[in-house]
């Protein structure tokens, strides 16, 4: 695959995880907005097919495209970080998205760190973890700590 195509697929995956697209023409427009001028509906269709993307209904009953990552199961010898699909933060929390059922084990790992690592506590659901920093820890520093721990 050409380097340009690798960047296209990477950007496309990111857009799919951040936005809800109702049709392939919306995807073409979004990618053109990201600087990929040679994108067509047929290319989008091929990428969607290669990724195994499906159309499904979201909580608002809208038909949208999504990636099959939510149903993936890590191998038994895969690192714990393979459960993590996204890490982001705002001014107050670090939010970690995992594959379904993965949040509890990742939250337990993070809870094993001490307050000196900047973690006051974690709340883990099925596929989402909220991590709150200690009083004197900058949220960006906590984000860095978490990404380092989960990268290893």
N, C-alpha and C. Protein backbone atom coordinates (compact mmCIF):
# COMPACT_ATOMS: atom_id res chain seq x y z
N UNK A 1 0.85 -1.19 0.00
CA UNK A 1 0.00 0.00 0.00
C UNK A 1 0.89 1.24 0.00
N UNK A 2 0.53 2.21 -0.76
CA UNK A 2 1.30 3.45 -0.84
C UNK A 2 1.19 4.23 0.47
N UNK A 3 2.22 5.03 0.75
CA UNK A 3 2.24 5.85 1.97
C UNK A 3 1.02 6.74 2.04
N UNK A 4 0.64 7.33 0.91
CA UNK A 4 -0.54 8.20 0.86
C UNK A 4 -1.79 7.42 1.30
N UNK A 5 -1.91 6.17 0.83
CA UNK A 5 -3.07 5.34 1.20
C UNK A 5 -3.04 5.00 2.69
N UNK A 6 -1.86 4.77 3.25
CA UNK A 6 -1.76 4.48 4.69
C UNK A 6 -2.23 5.68 5.50
N UNK A 7 -1.83 6.88 5.09
CA UNK A 7 -2.28 8.09 5.77
C UNK A 7 -3.78 8.29 5.60
N UNK A 8 -4.28 7.99 4.42
CA UNK A 8 -5.72 8.09 4.15
C UNK A 8 -6.50 7.17 5.08
N UNK A 9 -6.07 5.91 5.19
CA UNK A 9 -6.77 4.94 6.03
C UNK A 9 -6.69 5.36 7.50
N UNK A 10 -5.52 5.82 7.92
CA UNK A 10 -5.35 6.26 9.32
C UNK A 10 -6.29 7.43 9.63
N UNK A 11 -6.32 8.41 8.74
CA UNK A 11 -7.20 9.57 8.91
C UNK A 11 -8.66 9.14 8.87
N UNK A 12 -8.98 8.24 7.97
CA UNK A 12 -10.35 7.75 7.83
C UNK A 12 -10.82 7.06 9.10
N UNK A 13 -9.97 6.21 9.67
CA UNK A 13 -10.33 5.53 10.93
C UNK A 13 -10.57 6.54 12.04
N UNK A 14 -9.72 7.55 12.11
CA UNK A 14 -9.89 8.58 13.12
C UNK A 14 -11.21 9.32 12.94
N UNK A 15 -11.52 9.69 11.70
CA UNK A 15 -12.79 10.37 11.43
C UNK A 15 -13.99 9.49 11.79
N UNK A 16 -13.91 8.21 11.46
CA UNK A 16 -15.01 7.30 11.78
C UNK A 16 -15.23 7.17 13.28
N UNK A 17 -14.14 7.25 14.05
CA UNK A 17 -14.29 7.13 15.50
C UNK A 17 -14.80 8.42 16.14
N UNK A 18 -14.61 9.54 15.45
CA UNK A 18 -15.00 10.83 16.02
C UNK A 18 -16.34 11.36 15.51
N UNK A 19 -16.76 10.94 14.31
CA UNK A 19 -17.97 11.49 13.70
C UNK A 19 -18.89 10.36 13.26
N UNK A 20 -20.15 10.70 13.11
CA UNK A 20 -21.14 9.75 12.60
C UNK A 20 -21.47 10.11 11.17
N UNK A 21 -21.12 9.22 10.26
CA UNK A 21 -21.40 9.44 8.85
C UNK A 21 -22.61 8.63 8.44
N UNK A 22 -23.55 9.29 7.79
CA UNK A 22 -24.77 8.62 7.35
C UNK A 22 -24.62 8.00 5.97
N UNK A 23 -23.66 8.52 5.19
CA UNK A 23 -23.45 7.97 3.85
C UNK A 23 -22.00 8.18 3.42
N UNK A 24 -21.64 7.55 2.34
CA UNK A 24 -20.26 7.58 1.87
C UNK A 24 -19.87 8.94 1.29
N UNK A 25 -20.82 9.68 0.76
CA UNK A 25 -20.50 11.01 0.24
C UNK A 25 -20.07 11.96 1.35
N UNK A 26 -20.66 11.82 2.54
CA UNK A 26 -20.22 12.61 3.69
C UNK A 26 -18.78 12.28 4.03
N UNK A 27 -18.40 11.01 3.89
CA UNK A 27 -17.03 10.58 4.16
C UNK A 27 -16.07 11.17 3.14
N UNK A 28 -16.47 11.17 1.89
CA UNK A 28 -15.64 11.76 0.82
C UNK A 28 -15.39 13.23 1.14
N UNK A 29 -16.44 13.96 1.48
CA UNK A 29 -16.30 15.39 1.79
C UNK A 29 -15.38 15.61 2.99
N UNK A 30 -15.52 14.79 4.02
CA UNK A 30 -14.69 14.94 5.22
C UNK A 30 -13.22 14.69 4.90
N UNK A 31 -12.95 13.67 4.11
CA UNK A 31 -11.56 13.37 3.74
C UNK A 31 -10.97 14.44 2.82
N UNK A 32 -11.78 14.97 1.93
CA UNK A 32 -11.30 16.07 1.09
C UNK A 32 -10.98 17.28 1.96
N UNK A 33 -11.78 17.48 3.00
CA UNK A 33 -11.51 18.56 3.95
C UNK A 33 -10.21 18.36 4.72
N UNK A 34 -9.77 17.12 4.81
CA UNK A 34 -8.50 16.79 5.48
C UNK A 34 -7.32 16.83 4.51
N UNK A 35 -7.58 17.19 3.25
CA UNK A 35 -6.50 17.33 2.29
C UNK A 35 -6.32 16.18 1.31
N UNK A 36 -7.18 15.17 1.35
CA UNK A 36 -7.10 14.05 0.42
C UNK A 36 -8.00 14.36 -0.78
N UNK A 37 -7.41 14.93 -1.81
CA UNK A 37 -8.19 15.43 -2.95
C UNK A 37 -8.63 14.34 -3.92
N UNK A 38 -7.92 13.20 -3.95
CA UNK A 38 -8.24 12.15 -4.93
C UNK A 38 -9.13 11.05 -4.35
N UNK A 39 -10.01 11.40 -3.42
CA UNK A 39 -10.91 10.43 -2.79
C UNK A 39 -12.23 10.40 -3.54
N UNK A 40 -12.72 9.21 -3.79
CA UNK A 40 -14.01 9.05 -4.46
C UNK A 40 -14.89 8.11 -3.64
N UNK A 41 -16.15 8.07 -4.00
CA UNK A 41 -17.09 7.17 -3.30
C UNK A 41 -16.66 5.72 -3.45
N UNK A 42 -16.16 5.34 -4.63
CA UNK A 42 -15.76 3.95 -4.84
C UNK A 42 -14.54 3.60 -3.98
N UNK A 43 -13.63 4.55 -3.80
CA UNK A 43 -12.47 4.30 -2.93
C UNK A 43 -12.92 4.13 -1.49
N UNK A 44 -13.86 4.97 -1.06
CA UNK A 44 -14.41 4.85 0.29
C UNK A 44 -15.07 3.49 0.47
N UNK A 45 -15.81 3.07 -0.51
CA UNK A 45 -16.48 1.77 -0.45
C UNK A 45 -15.46 0.64 -0.27
N UNK A 46 -14.36 0.69 -1.01
CA UNK A 46 -13.31 -0.33 -0.89
C UNK A 46 -12.66 -0.30 0.49
N UNK A 47 -12.39 0.90 1.00
CA UNK A 47 -11.78 1.01 2.33
C UNK A 47 -12.72 0.46 3.39
N UNK A 48 -13.99 0.83 3.31
CA UNK A 48 -14.97 0.32 4.27
C UNK A 48 -15.03 -1.20 4.24
N UNK A 49 -15.03 -1.75 3.03
CA UNK A 49 -15.07 -3.20 2.87
C UNK A 49 -13.82 -3.86 3.46
N UNK A 50 -12.65 -3.28 3.19
CA UNK A 50 -11.40 -3.83 3.71
C UNK A 50 -11.32 -3.76 5.23
N UNK A 51 -11.90 -2.72 5.81
CA UNK A 51 -11.89 -2.57 7.27
C UNK A 51 -12.98 -3.40 7.94
N UNK A 52 -13.92 -3.88 7.17
CA UNK A 52 -15.03 -4.61 7.75
C UNK A 52 -16.05 -3.72 8.42
N UNK A 53 -16.08 -2.45 8.03
CA UNK A 53 -17.04 -1.51 8.62
C UNK A 53 -18.46 -1.93 8.28
N UNK A 54 -19.36 -1.61 9.19
CA UNK A 54 -20.77 -1.96 9.00
C UNK A 54 -21.64 -0.74 9.27
N UNK A 55 -22.85 -0.79 8.73
CA UNK A 55 -23.85 0.23 9.04
C UNK A 55 -24.72 -0.30 10.15
N UNK A 56 -24.93 0.52 11.14
CA UNK A 56 -25.74 0.12 12.29
C UNK A 56 -26.51 1.32 12.81
N UNK A 57 -27.41 1.09 13.72
CA UNK A 57 -28.17 2.20 14.30
C UNK A 57 -27.52 2.60 15.61
N UNK A 58 -27.37 3.92 15.81
CA UNK A 58 -26.82 4.41 17.07
C UNK A 58 -27.95 4.63 18.07
N UNK A 59 -27.63 5.21 19.21
CA UNK A 59 -28.62 5.42 20.26
C UNK A 59 -29.74 6.36 19.83
N UNK A 60 -29.48 7.21 18.84
CA UNK A 60 -30.50 8.13 18.33
C UNK A 60 -31.31 7.51 17.20
N UNK A 61 -31.08 6.22 16.94
CA UNK A 61 -31.77 5.47 15.90
C UNK A 61 -31.37 5.93 14.49
N UNK A 62 -30.21 6.60 14.38
CA UNK A 62 -29.70 7.00 13.08
C UNK A 62 -28.84 5.86 12.53
N UNK A 63 -28.89 5.64 11.24
CA UNK A 63 -28.05 4.63 10.61
C UNK A 63 -26.70 5.27 10.34
N UNK A 64 -25.65 4.71 10.92
CA UNK A 64 -24.30 5.25 10.79
C UNK A 64 -23.31 4.11 10.53
N UNK A 65 -22.13 4.48 10.04
CA UNK A 65 -21.06 3.51 9.82
C UNK A 65 -20.21 3.39 11.09
N UNK A 66 -19.76 2.18 11.37
CA UNK A 66 -18.85 1.99 12.49
C UNK A 66 -17.87 0.86 12.16
N UNK A 67 -16.75 0.88 12.87
CA UNK A 67 -15.73 -0.15 12.68
C UNK A 67 -16.02 -1.35 13.58
N UNK A 68 -15.58 -2.51 13.19
CA UNK A 68 -15.86 -3.71 13.98
C UNK A 68 -14.99 -3.87 15.21
N UNK A 69 -14.18 -2.88 15.56
CA UNK A 69 -13.28 -2.98 16.71
C UNK A 69 -14.00 -3.29 18.01
N UNK A 70 -15.26 -2.89 18.09
CA UNK A 70 -16.01 -3.14 19.31
C UNK A 70 -16.25 -4.61 19.56
N UNK A 71 -16.15 -5.42 18.54
CA UNK A 71 -16.40 -6.83 18.76
C UNK A 71 -15.13 -7.66 18.72
N UNK A 72 -13.98 -7.00 18.60
CA UNK A 72 -12.73 -7.75 18.53
C UNK A 72 -12.35 -8.31 19.89
N UNK A 73 -11.73 -9.45 19.89
CA UNK A 73 -11.30 -10.12 21.11
C UNK A 73 -9.79 -10.27 21.04
N UNK A 74 -9.06 -9.77 22.06
CA UNK A 74 -7.61 -9.88 22.01
C UNK A 74 -7.15 -11.32 22.20
N UNK A 75 -6.00 -11.64 21.65
CA UNK A 75 -5.43 -12.97 21.83
C UNK A 75 -4.96 -13.13 23.28
N UNK A 76 -4.84 -14.36 23.74
CA UNK A 76 -4.46 -14.59 25.13
C UNK A 76 -3.04 -14.13 25.43
N UNK A 77 -2.19 -14.05 24.42
CA UNK A 77 -0.83 -13.58 24.66
C UNK A 77 -0.65 -12.10 24.29
N UNK A 78 -1.75 -11.41 24.00
CA UNK A 78 -1.68 -10.00 23.62
C UNK A 78 -1.44 -9.14 24.86
N UNK A 79 -0.71 -8.05 24.73
CA UNK A 79 -0.49 -7.17 25.87
C UNK A 79 -1.80 -6.50 26.29
N UNK A 80 -1.86 -6.11 27.54
CA UNK A 80 -3.05 -5.46 28.07
C UNK A 80 -3.41 -4.21 27.27
N UNK A 81 -2.40 -3.57 26.72
CA UNK A 81 -2.65 -2.35 25.93
C UNK A 81 -3.50 -2.62 24.70
N UNK A 82 -3.57 -3.89 24.26
CA UNK A 82 -4.40 -4.20 23.09
C UNK A 82 -5.88 -4.05 23.38
N UNK A 83 -6.25 -3.96 24.65
CA UNK A 83 -7.64 -3.73 25.03
C UNK A 83 -8.05 -2.26 24.83
N UNK A 84 -7.07 -1.37 24.83
CA UNK A 84 -7.32 0.06 24.77
C UNK A 84 -7.50 0.51 23.32
N UNK A 85 -8.61 1.19 23.06
CA UNK A 85 -8.88 1.69 21.71
C UNK A 85 -8.68 3.19 21.58
N UNK A 86 -8.75 3.94 22.70
CA UNK A 86 -8.58 5.39 22.63
C UNK A 86 -8.30 5.93 24.03
N UNK A 87 -7.49 6.97 24.10
CA UNK A 87 -7.24 7.69 25.35
C UNK A 87 -7.32 9.16 25.03
N UNK A 88 -8.10 9.91 25.82
CA UNK A 88 -8.24 11.35 25.61
C UNK A 88 -8.48 12.00 26.96
N UNK A 89 -8.44 13.32 27.01
CA UNK A 89 -8.67 14.01 28.27
C UNK A 89 -9.28 15.38 28.05
N UNK A 90 -9.88 15.89 29.14
CA UNK A 90 -10.35 17.27 29.14
C UNK A 90 -9.69 17.96 30.33
N UNK A 91 -10.28 19.00 30.86
CA UNK A 91 -9.66 19.72 31.98
C UNK A 91 -9.72 18.95 33.30
N UNK A 92 -10.53 17.90 33.38
CA UNK A 92 -10.77 17.25 34.67
C UNK A 92 -10.47 15.76 34.71
N UNK A 93 -10.66 15.06 33.60
CA UNK A 93 -10.55 13.60 33.58
C UNK A 93 -9.76 13.11 32.37
N UNK A 94 -9.18 11.94 32.54
CA UNK A 94 -8.67 11.19 31.41
C UNK A 94 -9.71 10.12 31.14
N UNK A 95 -10.13 9.98 29.89
CA UNK A 95 -11.12 8.98 29.51
C UNK A 95 -10.45 7.96 28.61
N UNK A 96 -10.59 6.70 29.00
CA UNK A 96 -9.98 5.60 28.25
C UNK A 96 -11.10 4.73 27.71
N UNK A 97 -11.07 4.49 26.41
CA UNK A 97 -12.03 3.58 25.78
C UNK A 97 -11.33 2.25 25.54
N UNK A 98 -12.04 1.16 25.81
CA UNK A 98 -11.48 -0.18 25.61
C UNK A 98 -12.44 -1.01 24.77
N UNK A 99 -12.00 -2.20 24.42
CA UNK A 99 -12.91 -3.15 23.80
C UNK A 99 -13.93 -3.56 24.86
N UNK A 100 -15.10 -4.04 24.47
CA UNK A 100 -16.11 -4.43 25.46
C UNK A 100 -15.55 -5.42 26.48
N UNK A 101 -15.82 -5.11 27.75
CA UNK A 101 -15.36 -5.97 28.84
C UNK A 101 -13.93 -5.70 29.28
N UNK A 102 -13.22 -4.82 28.60
CA UNK A 102 -11.82 -4.57 28.91
C UNK A 102 -11.57 -3.50 29.94
N UNK A 103 -12.56 -2.67 30.23
CA UNK A 103 -12.34 -1.53 31.12
C UNK A 103 -11.98 -1.94 32.54
N UNK A 104 -12.61 -2.96 33.06
CA UNK A 104 -12.36 -3.36 34.45
C UNK A 104 -10.92 -3.75 34.70
N UNK A 105 -10.36 -4.54 33.80
CA UNK A 105 -8.99 -5.00 34.01
C UNK A 105 -7.98 -3.87 33.82
N UNK A 106 -8.22 -2.98 32.87
CA UNK A 106 -7.33 -1.84 32.66
C UNK A 106 -7.44 -0.88 33.85
N UNK A 107 -8.66 -0.64 34.33
CA UNK A 107 -8.85 0.22 35.50
C UNK A 107 -8.15 -0.36 36.72
N UNK A 108 -8.21 -1.67 36.88
CA UNK A 108 -7.53 -2.32 38.02
C UNK A 108 -6.03 -2.10 37.94
N UNK A 109 -5.47 -2.21 36.74
CA UNK A 109 -4.04 -1.95 36.55
C UNK A 109 -3.71 -0.52 36.97
N UNK A 110 -4.50 0.44 36.52
CA UNK A 110 -4.24 1.84 36.84
C UNK A 110 -4.44 2.12 38.33
N UNK A 111 -5.42 1.47 38.95
CA UNK A 111 -5.63 1.63 40.39
C UNK A 111 -4.45 1.10 41.20
N UNK A 112 -3.66 0.21 40.61
CA UNK A 112 -2.51 -0.34 41.33
C UNK A 112 -1.37 0.66 41.44
N UNK A 113 -1.44 1.74 40.66
CA UNK A 113 -0.44 2.80 40.76
C UNK A 113 -0.73 3.63 41.99
N UNK A 114 0.26 4.32 42.48
CA UNK A 114 0.07 5.11 43.70
C UNK A 114 -0.32 6.54 43.38
N UNK A 115 -0.69 7.26 44.43
CA UNK A 115 -1.04 8.66 44.25
C UNK A 115 0.16 9.46 43.77
N UNK A 116 1.36 8.98 44.06
CA UNK A 116 2.55 9.70 43.58
C UNK A 116 2.65 9.64 42.06
N UNK A 117 1.93 8.70 41.43
CA UNK A 117 1.88 8.63 39.98
C UNK A 117 0.83 9.57 39.40
N UNK A 118 0.07 10.22 40.30
CA UNK A 118 -0.90 11.22 39.86
C UNK A 118 -2.32 10.73 39.75
N UNK A 119 -2.59 9.47 40.11
CA UNK A 119 -3.95 8.92 39.97
C UNK A 119 -4.64 8.91 41.32
N UNK A 120 -5.70 9.69 41.44
CA UNK A 120 -6.52 9.68 42.64
C UNK A 120 -7.43 8.45 42.63
N UNK A 121 -7.99 8.13 41.46
CA UNK A 121 -8.84 6.95 41.36
C UNK A 121 -9.38 6.76 39.96
N UNK A 122 -9.94 5.57 39.74
CA UNK A 122 -10.50 5.20 38.44
C UNK A 122 -11.90 4.65 38.64
N UNK A 123 -12.74 4.88 37.66
CA UNK A 123 -14.05 4.24 37.59
C UNK A 123 -14.11 3.56 36.23
N UNK A 124 -14.28 2.24 36.25
CA UNK A 124 -14.32 1.48 35.01
C UNK A 124 -15.66 0.81 34.81
N UNK A 125 -16.25 1.06 33.68
CA UNK A 125 -17.49 0.38 33.31
C UNK A 125 -17.18 -0.82 32.46
N UNK A 126 -17.94 -1.00 31.40
CA UNK A 126 -17.71 -2.12 30.49
C UNK A 126 -16.60 -1.80 29.50
N UNK A 127 -16.69 -0.61 28.88
CA UNK A 127 -15.70 -0.25 27.86
C UNK A 127 -15.19 1.18 28.00
N UNK A 128 -15.43 1.81 29.15
CA UNK A 128 -14.98 3.18 29.38
C UNK A 128 -14.44 3.31 30.80
N UNK A 129 -13.34 4.04 30.92
CA UNK A 129 -12.72 4.29 32.23
C UNK A 129 -12.56 5.80 32.39
N UNK A 130 -12.94 6.30 33.56
CA UNK A 130 -12.68 7.69 33.93
C UNK A 130 -11.57 7.67 34.97
N UNK A 131 -10.52 8.44 34.73
CA UNK A 131 -9.40 8.53 35.67
C UNK A 131 -9.29 9.97 36.12
N UNK A 132 -9.26 10.17 37.43
CA UNK A 132 -9.16 11.53 37.96
C UNK A 132 -7.78 11.73 38.59
N UNK A 133 -7.21 12.91 38.40
CA UNK A 133 -5.88 13.16 38.93
C UNK A 133 -5.91 13.54 40.41
N UNK A 134 -4.76 13.41 41.04
CA UNK A 134 -4.62 13.91 42.40
C UNK A 134 -4.66 15.43 42.36
N UNK A 135 -4.79 16.02 43.49
CA UNK A 135 -4.98 17.47 43.59
C UNK A 135 -3.88 18.28 42.88
N UNK A 136 -2.64 17.85 42.99
CA UNK A 136 -1.55 18.64 42.43
C UNK A 136 -0.98 18.08 41.13
N UNK A 137 -1.77 17.27 40.42
CA UNK A 137 -1.30 16.69 39.17
C UNK A 137 -2.02 17.35 38.00
N UNK A 138 -1.24 17.86 37.07
CA UNK A 138 -1.83 18.44 35.86
C UNK A 138 -2.42 17.31 35.02
N UNK A 139 -3.56 17.56 34.43
CA UNK A 139 -4.25 16.52 33.66
C UNK A 139 -3.40 16.05 32.48
N UNK A 140 -2.64 16.95 31.88
CA UNK A 140 -1.77 16.56 30.76
C UNK A 140 -0.67 15.62 31.23
N UNK A 141 -0.17 15.82 32.43
CA UNK A 141 0.85 14.93 33.00
C UNK A 141 0.25 13.56 33.29
N UNK A 142 -0.97 13.53 33.81
CA UNK A 142 -1.64 12.26 34.06
C UNK A 142 -1.86 11.50 32.76
N UNK A 143 -2.27 12.21 31.72
CA UNK A 143 -2.44 11.61 30.40
C UNK A 143 -1.14 10.96 29.93
N UNK A 144 -0.02 11.68 30.07
CA UNK A 144 1.28 11.14 29.68
C UNK A 144 1.62 9.88 30.47
N UNK A 145 1.39 9.92 31.78
CA UNK A 145 1.67 8.75 32.63
C UNK A 145 0.87 7.55 32.18
N UNK A 146 -0.41 7.76 31.93
CA UNK A 146 -1.29 6.66 31.52
C UNK A 146 -0.86 6.09 30.17
N UNK A 147 -0.56 6.96 29.22
CA UNK A 147 -0.15 6.45 27.90
C UNK A 147 1.16 5.69 28.00
N UNK A 148 2.07 6.11 28.87
CA UNK A 148 3.32 5.38 29.06
C UNK A 148 3.07 4.01 29.68
N UNK A 149 2.22 3.95 30.69
CA UNK A 149 1.91 2.68 31.35
C UNK A 149 1.24 1.71 30.38
N UNK A 150 0.30 2.21 29.61
CA UNK A 150 -0.43 1.32 28.71
C UNK A 150 0.31 0.99 27.42
N UNK A 151 1.34 1.74 27.11
CA UNK A 151 2.14 1.44 25.92
C UNK A 151 3.07 0.27 26.16
N UNK A 152 3.45 0.04 27.41
CA UNK A 152 4.44 -0.97 27.73
C UNK A 152 3.90 -2.32 27.77
